[in-house]
């Protein structure tokens, strides 16, 4: 049932029953929203919870593919680092090997994931509770914060080119 088009014709009891139902994806609770109702998800979004997608890519010499994870709900007070890390590491291992797009896609993937993934909360909420209610929620919502694991991932990613530069400089210095 499309709530965006039918919400104007619902009774107060029907709206209440809908908001007290779980957020389902193909008949199962959406990843990260297990045990929560739509109303509880709305309340959690106000405190900083977000729906996110993480990128990953892989390459085979002349072919490169960029894909997205499923939508993950990251509750308020929890950071996206634990979700970003495996997709980023996968891309770092199998993403570089395509010329030229493997390198480009891998850099895009690393950047997106290190920024906490792609936030799809406004679009998803709009589809679930309607655009007007979703925009009201998003206008009042707190901004989420990066967790320690996401900062560790960012630092690790920044240390890679610095380490390579140091190795090259060290090799040049020792060859003189």
Protein backbone atom coordinates (compact mmCIF):
# COMPACT_ATOMS: atom_id res chain seq x y z
CA UNK A 1 0.00 0.00 0.00
CA UNK A 2 1.43 3.38 -0.95
CA UNK A 3 1.13 5.56 2.14
CA UNK A 4 2.06 8.73 0.29
CA UNK A 5 -1.14 8.65 -1.76
CA UNK A 6 -3.55 7.10 0.73
CA UNK A 7 -2.52 8.73 4.03
CA UNK A 8 -4.95 11.64 3.45
CA UNK A 9 -7.88 9.22 3.40
CA UNK A 10 -6.88 7.15 6.43
CA UNK A 11 -8.63 7.41 9.76
CA UNK A 12 -6.65 8.26 12.87
CA UNK A 13 -6.86 4.61 14.00
CA UNK A 14 -5.50 3.38 10.65
CA UNK A 15 -2.58 5.83 10.82
CA UNK A 16 -1.85 4.75 14.40
CA UNK A 17 -1.98 1.06 13.46
CA UNK A 18 0.35 1.69 10.51
CA UNK A 19 2.88 3.61 12.62
CA UNK A 20 2.85 0.80 15.19
CA UNK A 21 3.70 -1.85 12.60
CA UNK A 22 7.25 -2.95 11.79
CA UNK A 23 9.17 -1.51 8.84
CA UNK A 24 9.25 -4.44 6.43
CA UNK A 25 11.35 -5.18 3.37
CA UNK A 26 10.05 -8.17 1.38
CA UNK A 27 8.05 -9.35 4.38
CA UNK A 28 10.98 -9.18 6.86
CA UNK A 29 12.07 -6.35 9.12
CA UNK A 30 14.51 -4.01 7.36
CA UNK A 31 18.13 -4.55 8.38
CA UNK A 32 18.77 -2.74 11.66
CA UNK A 33 15.10 -2.10 12.50
CA UNK A 34 14.38 -5.49 14.03
CA UNK A 35 12.05 -5.09 17.02
CA UNK A 36 11.16 -1.49 16.09
CA UNK A 37 7.91 -0.02 14.82
CA UNK A 38 7.75 2.70 12.17
CA UNK A 39 7.01 5.22 14.96
CA UNK A 40 10.09 4.08 16.89
CA UNK A 41 12.20 4.41 13.72
CA UNK A 42 10.87 7.97 13.26
CA UNK A 43 11.77 8.82 16.87
CA UNK A 44 15.22 7.28 16.44
CA UNK A 45 15.82 9.26 13.23
CA UNK A 46 15.07 12.42 15.21
CA UNK A 47 17.92 11.43 17.57
CA UNK A 48 20.37 10.73 14.70
CA UNK A 49 19.49 7.30 13.32
CA UNK A 50 20.00 6.95 9.57
CA UNK A 51 19.40 4.56 6.69
CA UNK A 52 22.63 4.09 4.74
CA UNK A 53 23.97 2.28 1.70
CA UNK A 54 27.63 1.33 1.39
CA UNK A 55 29.53 0.95 -1.87
CA UNK A 56 31.83 -1.82 -3.02
CA UNK A 57 33.50 -2.64 -6.30
CA UNK A 58 35.50 -5.32 -8.03
CA UNK A 59 37.52 -5.44 -11.22
CA UNK A 60 38.72 -7.98 -13.74
CA UNK A 61 41.52 -6.43 -15.85
CA UNK A 62 39.40 -4.50 -18.38
CA UNK A 63 36.03 -4.66 -16.61
CA UNK A 64 35.11 -2.92 -13.37
CA UNK A 65 31.87 -3.07 -11.47
CA UNK A 66 30.58 -0.77 -8.74
CA UNK A 67 27.76 -2.04 -6.54
CA UNK A 68 25.86 -1.04 -3.40
CA UNK A 69 25.10 -2.95 -0.26
CA UNK A 70 21.53 -3.30 0.90
CA UNK A 71 20.03 -0.55 3.02
CA UNK A 72 21.20 -0.71 6.64
CA UNK A 73 19.56 1.20 9.46
CA UNK A 74 22.11 2.59 11.89
CA UNK A 75 20.43 3.49 15.15
CA UNK A 76 21.08 6.75 16.97
CA UNK A 77 24.20 6.53 19.08
CA UNK A 78 25.72 3.87 16.83
CA UNK A 79 28.11 4.74 14.04
CA UNK A 80 28.36 3.43 10.50
CA UNK A 81 31.99 2.31 10.83
CA UNK A 82 31.21 -1.37 11.46
CA UNK A 83 29.09 -1.43 8.29
CA UNK A 84 31.54 0.59 6.16
CA UNK A 85 34.66 -1.40 7.06
CA UNK A 86 33.97 -4.76 5.33
CA UNK A 87 32.79 -3.13 2.07
CA UNK A 88 35.82 -0.83 2.04
CA UNK A 89 38.28 -3.65 2.71
CA UNK A 90 36.65 -5.80 0.01
CA UNK A 91 37.00 -2.99 -2.51
CA UNK A 92 40.61 -2.38 -1.50
CA UNK A 93 41.42 -6.02 -2.21
CA UNK A 94 39.51 -6.63 -5.45
CA UNK A 95 38.65 -3.18 -6.77
CA UNK A 96 41.92 -1.74 -8.12
CA UNK A 97 42.63 -4.31 -10.80
CA UNK A 98 40.62 -2.88 -13.69
CA UNK A 99 42.09 -0.28 -16.01
CA UNK A 100 41.10 2.57 -15.83
CA UNK A 101 37.79 2.36 -13.96
CA UNK A 102 38.94 0.05 -11.19
CA UNK A 103 41.12 2.77 -9.71
CA UNK A 104 38.42 5.44 -10.12
CA UNK A 105 35.65 3.26 -8.64
CA UNK A 106 37.84 2.17 -5.73
CA UNK A 107 38.66 5.77 -4.81
CA UNK A 108 34.96 6.71 -5.04
CA UNK A 109 34.03 3.69 -2.92
CA UNK A 110 36.61 4.43 -0.25
CA UNK A 111 35.55 8.07 -0.07
CA UNK A 112 31.83 7.28 0.17
CA UNK A 113 32.33 4.61 2.83
CA UNK A 114 34.74 6.73 4.87
CA UNK A 115 32.09 9.45 4.95
CA UNK A 116 29.67 6.96 6.51
CA UNK A 117 28.06 5.62 3.35
CA UNK A 118 25.28 7.20 1.33
CA UNK A 119 22.45 8.53 3.51
CA UNK A 120 19.11 7.47 1.98
CA UNK A 121 16.99 8.37 5.01
CA UNK A 122 14.96 11.17 3.38
CA UNK A 123 14.04 9.03 0.36
CA UNK A 124 13.17 5.96 2.41
CA UNK A 125 11.12 7.88 4.98
CA UNK A 126 9.31 9.66 2.17
CA UNK A 127 8.32 6.32 0.68
CA UNK A 128 7.22 4.93 4.07
CA UNK A 129 5.41 7.87 5.72
CA UNK A 130 4.92 10.30 2.83
CA UNK A 131 7.01 13.26 1.69
CA UNK A 132 5.41 15.88 3.95
CA UNK A 133 5.85 13.90 7.18
CA UNK A 134 9.36 12.80 6.12
CA UNK A 135 10.52 16.35 5.43
CA UNK A 136 9.19 17.44 8.83
CA UNK A 137 11.11 14.65 10.55
CA UNK A 138 14.32 15.38 8.65
CA UNK A 139 14.06 19.11 9.40
CA UNK A 140 14.04 18.35 13.14
CA UNK A 141 16.52 15.44 13.10
CA UNK A 142 19.90 15.66 14.76
CA UNK A 143 22.95 15.08 12.63
CA UNK A 144 24.58 11.69 13.22
CA UNK A 145 28.16 11.53 14.45
CA UNK A 146 31.00 9.42 13.16
CA UNK A 147 31.99 6.61 15.50
CA UNK A 148 35.49 5.64 16.55
CA UNK A 149 35.67 2.80 14.01
CA UNK A 150 34.85 5.19 11.15
CA UNK A 151 37.62 7.55 12.30
CA UNK A 152 40.04 4.61 12.50
CA UNK A 153 39.08 3.66 8.94
CA UNK A 154 39.66 7.23 7.75
CA UNK A 155 43.07 7.40 9.42
CA UNK A 156 44.04 3.98 8.01
CA UNK A 157 43.06 5.10 4.50
CA UNK A 158 45.07 8.32 4.86
CA UNK A 159 48.11 6.41 6.11
CA UNK A 160 48.28 4.20 3.00
CA UNK A 161 49.50 6.89 0.55
CA UNK A 162 51.73 8.40 3.24
CA UNK A 163 53.32 4.99 3.84
CA UNK A 164 53.87 4.47 0.11
CA UNK A 165 55.44 7.93 -0.18
CA UNK A 166 57.71 7.20 2.81
CA UNK A 167 58.79 3.87 1.28
CA UNK A 168 59.60 5.52 -2.04
CA UNK A 169 61.53 8.33 -0.33
CA UNK A 170 63.39 5.80 1.81
CA UNK A 171 64.31 3.69 -1.24
CA UNK A 172 65.55 6.75 -3.12
CA UNK A 173 67.57 7.91 -0.14
CA UNK A 174 69.22 4.52 0.39
CA UNK A 175 70.09 4.18 -3.32
CA UNK A 176 72.20 7.37 -3.26
